[in-house]
Amino acid sequence: MADRVLFGVSGVACLLFIAAILAGVEIGVAALVAAVAVVAAFAWRDRAKLVWGLLPWRLLVFVTGLFLVVPTLSRLGLADVMRGLVGVGGDGDGAYRAAAAGAALSNVVNNLPAYVAGEQVIPAANHTQLLSLLAGTNLGPVITRGGR
């Protein structure tokens, strides 16, 4: 490990980010605070490592496009298909359906679009179902042969 202080600051920033989200802080605010803390630590410890090449530009463009494409496809019928796959029940069956659909879809497409498409049809009050979808879309590709 090249710099234990930077490693520690980065780790603490990640833990505080998770704690902030669990405490109800908006995800954008929590992410911004964590990012500023890490960038400030790098600027203080090793300014030469702060280069524009660190930013994952292709990923940023992909994710931005994804958040434009999935809602458009949802209006064109994807939402109805997802509602049929995931369901909208907040009970145990809804949670299992969401996890299974998320795991299957994340092996067909990718876990991020699978989650975004499923999240759009699950009511916000169905926390267990949303968490099950999140778990399914993230664990599905890891535990299956065709994971992406």
Protein backbone atom coordinates (compact mmCIF):
# COMPACT_ATOMS: atom_id res chain seq x y z
CA MET A 1 0.00 0.00 0.00
CA ALA A 2 1.64 3.23 -1.16
CA ASP A 3 -0.07 5.68 1.19
CA ARG A 4 -1.87 4.40 4.28
CA VAL A 5 -3.37 7.81 5.06
CA LEU A 6 -5.03 8.10 1.65
CA PHE A 7 -6.22 4.53 1.94
CA GLY A 8 -7.68 5.25 5.37
CA VAL A 9 -9.38 8.47 4.27
CA SER A 10 -10.87 6.69 1.25
CA GLY A 11 -12.13 3.84 3.42
CA VAL A 12 -13.65 6.19 5.98
CA ALA A 13 -15.29 8.19 3.17
CA CYS A 14 -16.89 4.99 1.84
CA LEU A 15 -18.15 3.99 5.29
CA LEU A 16 -19.53 7.48 5.95
CA PHE A 17 -21.21 7.43 2.53
CA ILE A 18 -23.01 4.20 3.44
CA ALA A 19 -23.93 5.53 6.89
CA ALA A 20 -25.28 8.76 5.39
CA ILE A 21 -27.51 6.87 2.96
CA LEU A 22 -28.80 4.64 5.75
CA ALA A 23 -29.49 7.78 7.80
CA GLY A 24 -31.67 9.15 4.99
CA VAL A 25 -29.29 11.66 3.41
CA GLU A 26 -29.92 12.14 -0.32
CA ILE A 27 -27.55 9.93 -2.31
CA GLY A 28 -26.23 12.86 -4.38
CA VAL A 29 -25.34 14.85 -1.28
CA ALA A 30 -23.68 11.85 0.39
CA ALA A 31 -21.69 11.07 -2.76
CA LEU A 32 -20.59 14.68 -3.18
CA VAL A 33 -19.38 14.96 0.42
CA ALA A 34 -17.47 11.66 0.19
CA ALA A 35 -15.90 12.63 -3.14
CA VAL A 36 -14.85 16.07 -1.88
CA ALA A 37 -13.26 14.49 1.21
CA VAL A 38 -11.22 12.05 -0.90
CA VAL A 39 -10.19 14.69 -3.45
CA ALA A 40 -9.18 17.04 -0.62
CA ALA A 41 -7.08 14.29 0.96
CA PHE A 42 -5.35 13.61 -2.36
CA ALA A 43 -4.76 17.33 -2.92
CA TRP A 44 -3.18 17.56 0.54
CA ARG A 45 -1.10 14.35 0.36
CA ASP A 46 -0.18 13.88 -3.31
CA ARG A 47 -1.50 16.57 -5.66
CA ALA A 48 0.35 15.05 -8.64
CA LYS A 49 -1.98 12.03 -8.59
CA LEU A 50 -5.02 14.23 -9.22
CA VAL A 51 -5.31 14.04 -13.01
CA TRP A 52 -8.36 14.14 -15.30
CA GLY A 53 -7.51 10.63 -16.44
CA LEU A 54 -8.79 9.30 -13.10
CA LEU A 55 -12.37 10.08 -14.10
CA PRO A 56 -14.10 7.17 -15.84
CA TRP A 57 -15.42 9.24 -18.76
CA ARG A 58 -16.79 6.34 -20.81
CA LEU A 59 -18.64 5.01 -17.78
CA LEU A 60 -20.07 8.45 -17.01
CA VAL A 61 -21.37 8.78 -20.58
CA PHE A 62 -22.77 5.23 -20.49
CA VAL A 63 -24.61 5.72 -17.19
CA THR A 64 -25.99 9.10 -18.26
CA GLY A 65 -27.26 7.54 -21.48
CA LEU A 66 -28.70 4.63 -19.56
CA PHE A 67 -30.75 6.93 -17.36
CA LEU A 68 -32.15 8.50 -20.54
CA VAL A 69 -32.78 5.28 -22.49
CA VAL A 70 -34.47 3.15 -19.81
CA PRO A 71 -37.24 5.69 -19.02
CA THR A 72 -37.87 6.10 -22.76
CA LEU A 73 -38.13 2.34 -23.24
CA SER A 74 -40.40 2.18 -20.18
CA ARG A 75 -42.84 4.56 -21.86
CA LEU A 76 -42.73 2.35 -24.97
CA GLY A 77 -43.76 -0.81 -23.11
CA LEU A 78 -40.79 -1.91 -21.00
CA ALA A 79 -42.61 -0.86 -17.81
CA ASP A 80 -45.48 -3.26 -18.55
CA VAL A 81 -43.06 -6.12 -19.19
CA MET A 82 -41.13 -5.33 -16.01
CA ARG A 83 -44.33 -5.07 -13.97
CA GLY A 84 -45.22 -8.57 -15.15
CA LEU A 85 -41.78 -9.94 -14.29
CA VAL A 86 -41.09 -8.14 -11.03
CA GLY A 87 -44.62 -7.60 -9.79
CA VAL A 88 -45.60 -4.84 -7.40
CA GLY A 89 -46.44 -6.84 -4.29
CA GLY A 90 -44.73 -5.70 -1.13
CA ASP A 91 -45.07 -9.16 0.43
CA GLY A 92 -42.57 -12.01 0.50
CA ASP A 93 -43.61 -13.27 -2.93
CA GLY A 94 -42.95 -9.82 -4.41
CA ALA A 95 -39.50 -9.77 -2.86
CA TYR A 96 -38.64 -13.22 -4.24
CA ARG A 97 -39.98 -12.29 -7.69
CA ALA A 98 -37.94 -9.08 -7.71
CA ALA A 99 -34.75 -10.89 -6.69
CA ALA A 100 -35.25 -13.67 -9.24
CA ALA A 101 -36.16 -11.28 -12.06
CA GLY A 102 -33.21 -9.05 -11.21
CA ALA A 103 -30.80 -11.99 -11.17
CA ALA A 104 -32.10 -13.33 -14.48
CA LEU A 105 -32.16 -9.96 -16.24
CA SER A 106 -28.71 -8.97 -15.03
CA ASN A 107 -27.39 -12.02 -16.87
CA VAL A 108 -29.25 -11.11 -20.05
CA VAL A 109 -28.36 -7.42 -20.17
CA ASN A 110 -26.34 -5.85 -17.37
CA ASN A 111 -27.10 -5.34 -13.71
CA LEU A 112 -27.43 -1.55 -13.89
CA PRO A 113 -30.12 -1.34 -16.62
CA ALA A 114 -31.86 -4.37 -15.09
CA TYR A 115 -32.08 -2.59 -11.74
CA VAL A 116 -33.17 0.75 -13.18
CA ALA A 117 -35.91 -0.90 -15.26
CA GLY A 118 -37.18 -2.87 -12.27
CA GLU A 119 -36.96 0.04 -9.86
CA GLN A 120 -39.26 2.12 -12.04
CA VAL A 121 -42.20 -0.25 -11.55
CA ILE A 122 -41.80 -1.09 -7.85
CA PRO A 123 -43.63 1.33 -5.54
CA ALA A 124 -41.24 3.36 -3.37
CA ALA A 125 -42.98 2.09 -0.22
CA ASN A 126 -41.98 -1.52 -1.03
CA HIS A 127 -38.54 -1.27 0.58
CA THR A 128 -38.07 -5.03 0.91
CA GLN A 129 -38.91 -5.57 -2.73
CA LEU A 130 -36.51 -2.82 -3.82
CA LEU A 131 -33.72 -4.30 -1.69
CA SER A 132 -34.46 -7.74 -3.13
CA LEU A 133 -34.21 -6.34 -6.65
CA LEU A 134 -30.91 -4.71 -5.74
CA ALA A 135 -29.59 -7.95 -4.26
CA GLY A 136 -30.77 -9.99 -7.24
CA THR A 137 -29.26 -7.70 -9.85
CA ASN A 138 -25.92 -7.60 -8.05
CA LEU A 139 -25.64 -11.22 -6.92
CA GLY A 140 -27.17 -12.81 -10.02
CA PRO A 141 -24.18 -12.26 -12.31
CA VAL A 142 -21.77 -13.33 -9.58
CA ILE A 143 -23.34 -16.72 -8.86
CA THR A 144 -24.32 -17.75 -12.39
CA ARG A 145 -22.15 -18.94 -15.24
CA GLY A 146 -23.01 -16.20 -17.71
CA GLY A 147 -22.45 -13.28 -15.35
CA ARG A 148 -21.47 -9.98 -16.92
